[in-house]
């Protein structure tokens, strides 16, 4: 396989006022529903790891609300990691 042109390692995105304080809870395995109900934060991406080589076409597929657009926005830097 060709060398990766884009590498993403351990990417998380937490939407809310205090994502740094919520990160330990995410790593402990707190559910998405508990994060929302008790802490008013939303887990958008959880531990994403991908290597994308140059000159290749990749497809990102998933259900509505699964984080596809959030991932693309990180890749093109509309959202800073």
N, C-alpha and C. Protein backbone atom coordinates (compact mmCIF):
# COMPACT_ATOMS: atom_id res chain seq x y z
N UNK A 1 0.84 -1.18 0.00
CA UNK A 1 0.00 0.00 0.00
C UNK A 1 0.89 1.25 0.00
N UNK A 2 0.45 2.26 -0.71
CA UNK A 2 1.21 3.51 -0.81
C UNK A 2 1.24 4.23 0.54
N UNK A 3 2.24 5.08 0.67
CA UNK A 3 2.36 5.88 1.90
C UNK A 3 1.15 6.80 2.05
N UNK A 4 0.70 6.95 3.27
CA UNK A 4 -0.49 7.76 3.54
C UNK A 4 -0.21 9.24 3.29
N UNK A 5 -1.12 9.89 2.58
CA UNK A 5 -1.06 11.33 2.36
C UNK A 5 -1.78 12.06 3.49
N UNK A 6 -2.84 11.44 3.98
CA UNK A 6 -3.59 11.97 5.13
C UNK A 6 -3.59 10.89 6.20
N UNK A 7 -3.15 11.24 7.40
CA UNK A 7 -3.16 10.32 8.53
C UNK A 7 -3.97 10.95 9.66
N UNK A 8 -4.87 10.17 10.19
CA UNK A 8 -5.65 10.61 11.35
C UNK A 8 -5.46 9.56 12.43
N UNK A 9 -5.03 10.00 13.59
CA UNK A 9 -4.78 9.09 14.71
C UNK A 9 -5.50 9.59 15.96
N UNK A 10 -6.31 8.73 16.54
CA UNK A 10 -6.98 8.99 17.82
C UNK A 10 -7.75 10.31 17.82
N UNK A 11 -8.56 10.52 16.80
CA UNK A 11 -9.34 11.76 16.69
C UNK A 11 -10.65 11.64 17.46
N UNK A 12 -10.89 12.60 18.33
CA UNK A 12 -12.15 12.73 19.06
C UNK A 12 -12.71 14.11 18.80
N UNK A 13 -14.03 14.21 18.76
CA UNK A 13 -14.69 15.52 18.72
C UNK A 13 -15.85 15.47 19.69
N UNK A 14 -15.80 16.38 20.67
CA UNK A 14 -16.86 16.50 21.67
C UNK A 14 -17.43 17.89 21.54
N UNK A 15 -18.73 17.97 21.27
CA UNK A 15 -19.41 19.25 21.17
C UNK A 15 -19.98 19.62 22.53
N UNK A 16 -19.69 20.84 22.97
CA UNK A 16 -20.18 21.33 24.26
C UNK A 16 -19.24 22.38 24.80
N UNK A 17 -19.56 22.90 25.98
CA UNK A 17 -18.80 24.00 26.57
C UNK A 17 -17.44 23.59 27.13
N UNK A 18 -17.32 22.36 27.64
CA UNK A 18 -16.09 21.95 28.33
C UNK A 18 -15.62 20.57 27.84
N UNK A 19 -15.26 20.45 26.57
CA UNK A 19 -14.87 19.13 26.05
C UNK A 19 -13.65 18.54 26.75
N UNK A 20 -12.71 19.37 27.20
CA UNK A 20 -11.53 18.85 27.89
C UNK A 20 -11.89 18.16 29.20
N UNK A 21 -12.92 18.64 29.88
CA UNK A 21 -13.35 18.02 31.13
C UNK A 21 -14.14 16.74 30.88
N UNK A 22 -14.74 16.62 29.71
CA UNK A 22 -15.57 15.46 29.38
C UNK A 22 -14.72 14.31 28.83
N UNK A 23 -13.56 14.62 28.26
CA UNK A 23 -12.72 13.60 27.64
C UNK A 23 -12.42 12.41 28.54
N UNK A 24 -12.07 12.60 29.81
CA UNK A 24 -11.84 11.43 30.67
C UNK A 24 -13.06 10.52 30.78
N UNK A 25 -14.25 11.10 30.80
CA UNK A 25 -15.47 10.29 30.85
C UNK A 25 -15.63 9.46 29.59
N UNK A 26 -15.32 10.06 28.45
CA UNK A 26 -15.40 9.34 27.17
C UNK A 26 -14.44 8.16 27.18
N UNK A 27 -13.24 8.39 27.66
CA UNK A 27 -12.24 7.31 27.70
C UNK A 27 -12.61 6.21 28.69
N UNK A 28 -13.42 6.56 29.71
CA UNK A 28 -13.89 5.56 30.67
C UNK A 28 -15.06 4.76 30.12
N UNK A 29 -15.61 5.18 28.98
CA UNK A 29 -16.69 4.42 28.36
C UNK A 29 -18.09 4.90 28.68
N UNK A 30 -18.23 6.13 29.17
CA UNK A 30 -19.56 6.68 29.45
C UNK A 30 -20.34 6.74 28.13
N UNK A 31 -21.60 6.37 28.17
CA UNK A 31 -22.41 6.30 26.95
C UNK A 31 -22.69 7.68 26.37
N UNK A 32 -22.97 7.71 25.06
CA UNK A 32 -23.31 8.97 24.40
C UNK A 32 -24.55 9.59 25.02
N UNK A 33 -25.51 8.74 25.39
CA UNK A 33 -26.74 9.25 25.99
C UNK A 33 -26.48 9.89 27.35
N UNK A 34 -25.62 9.27 28.16
CA UNK A 34 -25.28 9.84 29.46
C UNK A 34 -24.52 11.16 29.31
N UNK A 35 -23.62 11.22 28.32
CA UNK A 35 -22.91 12.49 28.07
C UNK A 35 -23.89 13.60 27.75
N UNK A 36 -24.91 13.28 26.97
CA UNK A 36 -25.91 14.29 26.61
C UNK A 36 -26.82 14.62 27.79
N UNK A 37 -27.39 13.60 28.42
CA UNK A 37 -28.37 13.82 29.49
C UNK A 37 -27.77 14.47 30.73
N UNK A 38 -26.62 13.99 31.17
CA UNK A 38 -26.06 14.45 32.44
C UNK A 38 -25.02 15.56 32.30
N UNK A 39 -24.37 15.65 31.14
CA UNK A 39 -23.27 16.60 31.00
C UNK A 39 -23.49 17.62 29.88
N UNK A 40 -24.57 17.45 29.12
CA UNK A 40 -24.92 18.38 28.03
C UNK A 40 -23.82 18.51 26.98
N UNK A 41 -23.17 17.40 26.67
CA UNK A 41 -22.16 17.34 25.62
C UNK A 41 -22.53 16.22 24.64
N UNK A 42 -22.07 16.36 23.40
CA UNK A 42 -22.35 15.36 22.37
C UNK A 42 -21.02 14.84 21.83
N UNK A 43 -20.90 13.52 21.79
CA UNK A 43 -19.72 12.88 21.23
C UNK A 43 -19.92 12.74 19.73
N UNK A 44 -19.16 13.53 18.95
CA UNK A 44 -19.30 13.51 17.49
C UNK A 44 -18.41 12.48 16.83
N UNK A 45 -17.18 12.34 17.31
CA UNK A 45 -16.23 11.36 16.78
C UNK A 45 -15.51 10.72 17.95
N UNK A 46 -15.26 9.42 17.83
CA UNK A 46 -14.63 8.69 18.92
C UNK A 46 -13.49 7.81 18.41
N UNK A 47 -12.27 8.19 18.72
CA UNK A 47 -11.07 7.41 18.43
C UNK A 47 -10.98 6.98 16.96
N UNK A 48 -11.01 7.96 16.07
CA UNK A 48 -10.93 7.71 14.63
C UNK A 48 -9.47 7.56 14.23
N UNK A 49 -9.16 6.49 13.49
CA UNK A 49 -7.82 6.22 12.99
C UNK A 49 -7.92 5.77 11.54
N UNK A 50 -7.40 6.58 10.61
CA UNK A 50 -7.40 6.19 9.20
C UNK A 50 -6.15 6.73 8.51
N UNK A 51 -5.70 6.01 7.50
CA UNK A 51 -4.63 6.44 6.62
C UNK A 51 -5.19 6.47 5.21
N UNK A 52 -5.05 7.61 4.54
CA UNK A 52 -5.57 7.76 3.18
C UNK A 52 -4.39 8.04 2.26
N UNK A 53 -4.08 7.10 1.35
CA UNK A 53 -2.96 7.32 0.43
C UNK A 53 -3.32 8.32 -0.67
N UNK A 54 -2.31 8.89 -1.29
CA UNK A 54 -2.51 9.82 -2.41
C UNK A 54 -3.06 9.07 -3.62
N UNK A 55 -3.76 9.80 -4.46
CA UNK A 55 -4.27 9.29 -5.74
C UNK A 55 -5.21 8.10 -5.58
N UNK A 56 -5.98 8.10 -4.51
CA UNK A 56 -6.97 7.06 -4.28
C UNK A 56 -8.30 7.71 -3.98
N UNK A 57 -9.35 7.02 -4.28
CA UNK A 57 -10.70 7.49 -3.95
C UNK A 57 -11.19 6.69 -2.76
N UNK A 58 -11.68 7.39 -1.75
CA UNK A 58 -12.25 6.74 -0.57
C UNK A 58 -13.67 7.23 -0.37
N UNK A 59 -14.48 6.38 0.17
CA UNK A 59 -15.88 6.71 0.45
C UNK A 59 -16.09 6.62 1.95
N UNK A 60 -16.75 7.61 2.50
CA UNK A 60 -17.12 7.58 3.91
C UNK A 60 -18.62 7.36 3.96
N UNK A 61 -19.01 6.20 4.47
CA UNK A 61 -20.43 5.83 4.52
C UNK A 61 -20.86 5.65 5.96
N UNK A 62 -22.13 5.90 6.20
CA UNK A 62 -22.68 5.67 7.53
C UNK A 62 -24.08 6.22 7.62
N UNK A 63 -24.72 5.89 8.70
CA UNK A 63 -26.08 6.35 8.94
C UNK A 63 -26.11 7.84 9.22
N UNK A 64 -27.28 8.41 9.10
CA UNK A 64 -27.48 9.81 9.43
C UNK A 64 -27.07 10.05 10.88
N UNK A 65 -26.27 11.08 11.10
CA UNK A 65 -25.85 11.40 12.46
C UNK A 65 -24.66 10.61 12.96
N UNK A 66 -24.01 9.85 12.08
CA UNK A 66 -22.90 9.00 12.54
C UNK A 66 -21.55 9.70 12.55
N UNK A 67 -21.46 10.95 12.06
CA UNK A 67 -20.22 11.70 12.14
C UNK A 67 -19.48 11.87 10.82
N UNK A 68 -20.08 11.48 9.71
CA UNK A 68 -19.41 11.60 8.41
C UNK A 68 -19.01 13.04 8.10
N UNK A 69 -19.95 13.95 8.21
CA UNK A 69 -19.67 15.36 7.90
C UNK A 69 -18.67 15.95 8.88
N UNK A 70 -18.76 15.57 10.13
CA UNK A 70 -17.81 16.05 11.14
C UNK A 70 -16.40 15.59 10.78
N UNK A 71 -16.25 14.35 10.36
CA UNK A 71 -14.94 13.83 9.95
C UNK A 71 -14.40 14.61 8.75
N UNK A 72 -15.22 14.82 7.74
CA UNK A 72 -14.78 15.56 6.55
C UNK A 72 -14.38 16.99 6.93
N UNK A 73 -15.14 17.60 7.81
CA UNK A 73 -14.81 18.97 8.24
C UNK A 73 -13.47 19.03 8.98
N UNK A 74 -13.11 17.95 9.66
CA UNK A 74 -11.78 17.90 10.29
C UNK A 74 -10.70 17.75 9.23
N UNK A 75 -10.95 16.91 8.24
CA UNK A 75 -9.95 16.69 7.19
C UNK A 75 -9.66 17.98 6.43
N UNK A 76 -10.71 18.73 6.08
CA UNK A 76 -10.48 19.97 5.33
C UNK A 76 -10.31 21.19 6.24
N UNK A 77 -10.20 20.96 7.54
CA UNK A 77 -9.88 21.96 8.56
C UNK A 77 -10.94 23.04 8.75
N UNK A 78 -12.19 22.74 8.39
CA UNK A 78 -13.27 23.65 8.76
C UNK A 78 -13.52 23.58 10.26
N UNK A 79 -13.19 22.42 10.85
CA UNK A 79 -13.20 22.24 12.30
C UNK A 79 -11.77 21.87 12.68
N UNK A 80 -11.22 22.57 13.65
CA UNK A 80 -9.87 22.26 14.13
C UNK A 80 -9.95 21.10 15.12
N UNK A 81 -9.05 20.14 14.98
CA UNK A 81 -9.05 19.00 15.93
C UNK A 81 -8.71 19.45 17.34
